[in-house]
C-alpha atoms as a PDB file:
ATOM      1  CA  MET A   1       0.105   0.132  -0.094  1.00  0.00           C
ATOM      2  CA  THR A   2       2.623   2.442  -0.699  1.00  0.00           C
ATOM      3  CA  LEU A   3       3.326   2.339  -4.699  1.00  0.00           C
ATOM      4  CA  HIS A   4       0.453   4.596  -5.050  1.00  0.00           C
ATOM      5  CA  HIS A   5       1.995   7.362  -3.035  1.00  0.00           C
ATOM      6  CA  ILE A   6       5.323   7.020  -5.364  1.00  0.00           C
ATOM      7  CA  LYS A   7       5.422   8.821  -8.711  1.00  0.00           C
ATOM      8  CA  ALA A   8       8.134   6.934 -10.233  1.00  0.00           C
ATOM      9  CA  THR A   9       6.072   3.571 -10.196  1.00  0.00           C
ATOM     10  CA  LYS A  10       7.855   1.215 -12.486  1.00  0.00           C
ATOM     11  CA  ASP A  11      11.392   2.766 -11.436  1.00  0.00           C
ATOM     12  CA  ILE A  12      10.720   1.456  -7.672  1.00  0.00           C
ATOM     13  CA  VAL A  13       9.580  -1.821  -9.466  1.00  0.00           C
ATOM     14  CA  LYS A  14      12.936  -2.089 -10.943  1.00  0.00           C
ATOM     15  CA  LYS A  15      14.806  -1.209  -7.532  1.00  0.00           C
ATOM     16  CA  PHE A  16      12.953  -4.120  -6.328  1.00  0.00           C
ATOM     17  CA  TYR A  17      13.800  -6.530  -8.649  1.00  0.00           C
ATOM     18  CA  ASN A  18      17.466  -5.778  -8.453  1.00  0.00           C
ATOM     19  CA  LEU A  19      17.661  -6.267  -5.116  1.00  0.00           C
ATOM     20  CA  LEU A  20      15.987  -9.851  -5.163  1.00  0.00           C
ATOM     21  CA  ASN A  21      18.202 -12.968  -5.152  1.00  0.00           C
ATOM     22  CA  GLU A  22      17.455 -15.351  -8.397  1.00  0.00           C
ATOM     23  CA  ASN A  23      14.389 -16.983  -8.061  1.00  0.00           C
ATOM     24  CA  GLY A  24      13.146 -14.117  -5.296  1.00  0.00           C
ATOM     25  CA  ILE A  25       9.371 -13.185  -5.299  1.00  0.00           C
ATOM     26  CA  LEU A  26       8.136  -9.459  -5.203  1.00  0.00           C
ATOM     27  CA  CYS A  27       4.601  -9.261  -3.824  1.00  0.00           C
ATOM     28  CA  VAL A  28       2.704  -5.894  -3.436  1.00  0.00           C
ATOM     29  CA  MET A  29      -0.294  -5.037  -2.225  1.00  0.00           C
ATOM     30  CA  GLU A  30      -2.072  -1.971  -3.708  1.00  0.00           C
ATOM     31  CA  LEU A  31      -5.284   0.036  -4.187  1.00  0.00           C
ATOM     32  CA  ASP A  32      -7.221  -1.295  -6.942  1.00  0.00           C
ATOM     33  CA  LYS A  33      -7.787   2.119  -9.277  1.00  0.00           C
ATOM     34  CA  GLU A  34     -10.702   4.476  -8.148  1.00  0.00           C
ATOM     35  CA  ASP A  35     -11.596   7.766  -8.809  1.00  0.00           C
ATOM     36  CA  GLY A  36      -9.739   9.865  -6.436  1.00  0.00           C
ATOM     37  CA  LYS A  37     -12.180   9.530  -3.564  1.00  0.00           C
ATOM     38  CA  PHE A  38      -9.851   7.396  -1.453  1.00  0.00           C
ATOM     39  CA  HIS A  39      -7.264  10.379  -0.285  1.00  0.00           C
ATOM     40  CA  MET A  40      -9.993  13.253  -0.563  1.00  0.00           C
ATOM     41  CA  ASN A  41      -8.961  13.890   3.095  1.00  0.00           C
ATOM     42  CA  GLU A  42      -5.304  14.236   2.051  1.00  0.00           C
ATOM     43  CA  ILE A  43      -4.948  17.851   0.486  1.00  0.00           C
ATOM     44  CA  ASP A  44      -1.515  17.228  -0.664  1.00  0.00           C
ATOM     45  CA  PHE A  45      -1.426  13.535  -2.037  1.00  0.00           C
ATOM     46  CA  ASP A  46       0.036  13.659  -5.260  1.00  0.00           C
ATOM     47  CA  GLY A  47       0.015  10.137  -6.042  1.00  0.00           C
ATOM     48  CA  HIS A  48      -1.657   7.592  -8.101  1.00  0.00           C
ATOM     49  CA  ASN A  49      -5.376   6.766  -7.380  1.00  0.00           C
ATOM     50  CA  GLY A  50      -4.560   2.878  -7.336  1.00  0.00           C
ATOM     51  CA  PHE A  51      -3.563   0.689  -9.947  1.00  0.00           C
ATOM     52  CA  GLU A  52      -5.608  -1.398 -12.751  1.00  0.00           C
ATOM     53  CA  HIS A  53      -4.187  -5.035 -12.713  1.00  0.00           C
ATOM     54  CA  ASN A  54      -2.803  -4.895 -16.227  1.00  0.00           C
ATOM     55  CA  GLU A  55      -0.820  -1.880 -15.302  1.00  0.00           C
ATOM     56  CA  MET A  56       0.822  -3.379 -12.490  1.00  0.00           C
ATOM     57  CA  GLU A  57       1.581  -6.864 -14.226  1.00  0.00           C
ATOM     58  CA  GLU A  58       2.909  -4.750 -17.433  1.00  0.00           C
ATOM     59  CA  ALA A  59       5.484  -2.823 -14.685  1.00  0.00           C
ATOM     60  CA  PHE A  60       6.448  -6.479 -13.566  1.00  0.00           C
ATOM     61  CA  GLU A  61       6.996  -7.739 -17.134  1.00  0.00           C
ATOM     62  CA  ASN A  62       8.785  -4.977 -18.390  1.00  0.00           C
ATOM     63  CA  THR A  63      11.417  -5.446 -15.537  1.00  0.00           C
ATOM     64  CA  GLY A  64      11.853  -9.084 -15.971  1.00  0.00           C
ATOM     65  CA  PHE A  65       9.628 -10.840 -13.833  1.00  0.00           C
ATOM     66  CA  LYS A  66       7.838 -14.118 -14.416  1.00  0.00           C
ATOM     67  CA  ASN A  67       5.193 -15.999 -13.241  1.00  0.00           C
ATOM     68  CA  ILE A  68       2.926 -12.892 -12.691  1.00  0.00           C
ATOM     69  CA  ARG A  69      -0.257 -12.864 -11.408  1.00  0.00           C
ATOM     70  CA  SER A  70      -2.754 -10.601 -10.034  1.00  0.00           C
ATOM     71  CA  GLU A  71      -5.804 -10.283  -7.751  1.00  0.00           C
ATOM     72  CA  THR A  72      -8.147  -8.576  -5.842  1.00  0.00           C
ATOM     73  CA  PHE A  73      -8.433 -10.181  -2.465  1.00  0.00           C
ATOM     74  CA  TYR A  74      -9.927  -7.259  -0.282  1.00  0.00           C
ATOM     75  CA  GLN A  75     -13.081  -4.865  -0.395  1.00  0.00           C
ATOM     76  CA  ASP A  76     -14.088  -2.537   2.121  1.00  0.00           C
ATOM     77  CA  LYS A  77     -15.674   1.072   2.787  1.00  0.00           C
ATOM     78  CA  LYS A  78     -14.093   4.185   4.722  1.00  0.00           C
ATOM     79  CA  ILE A  79     -16.495   7.061   5.584  1.00  0.00           C
ATOM     80  CA  TYR A  80     -14.916  10.361   5.619  1.00  0.00           C
ATOM     81  CA  LYS A  81     -17.458  13.366   6.325  1.00  0.00           C
ATOM     82  CA  ASP A  82     -20.583  11.126   6.281  1.00  0.00           C
ATOM     83  CA  ILE A  83     -19.410  10.261   2.606  1.00  0.00           C
ATOM     84  CA  ILE A  84     -18.932   6.397   1.882  1.00  0.00           C
ATOM     85  CA  ILE A  85     -16.153   5.587  -0.056  1.00  0.00           C
ATOM     86  CA  PRO A  86     -15.860   2.055  -1.651  1.00  0.00           C
ATOM     87  CA  TYR A  87     -12.369   0.831  -2.490  1.00  0.00           C
ATOM     88  CA  SER A  88     -10.696  -2.609  -3.088  1.00  0.00           C
ATOM     89  CA  MET A  89      -7.385  -3.718  -2.671  1.00  0.00           C
ATOM     90  CA  PHE A  90      -5.433  -6.242  -4.980  1.00  0.00           C
ATOM     91  CA  TYR A  91      -2.029  -7.956  -4.991  1.00  0.00           C
ATOM     92  CA  ALA A  92       0.303  -8.371  -7.443  1.00  0.00           C
ATOM     93  CA  VAL A  93       2.999 -11.060  -7.410  1.00  0.00           C
ATOM     94  CA  GLY A  94       6.206 -12.166  -9.715  1.00  0.00           C
ATOM     95  CA  LYS A  95       9.364 -14.133  -9.635  1.00  0.00           C
ATOM     96  CA  LYS A  96      12.851 -12.995 -10.984  1.00  0.00           C
END
């Protein structure tokens, strides 16, 4: 749940790849793409509004990861100023 705060997502995925041992596995958990309401209470938020699965899978694949998969595993709602904000999270995993 950190990558959506980082502008250069592809660059950080490459750094993670380089830090892994051969056959190492990277697993990230992130927000599914949403309309921006999840961070509406954070005035200075300048990140991503989550990701489409294929965006993350492409970042993994273009870096060199194999056996890539992703799946939404969690759905919930949060409340901000009486506004109900549904959101979901997914994992993406790949092997070096």
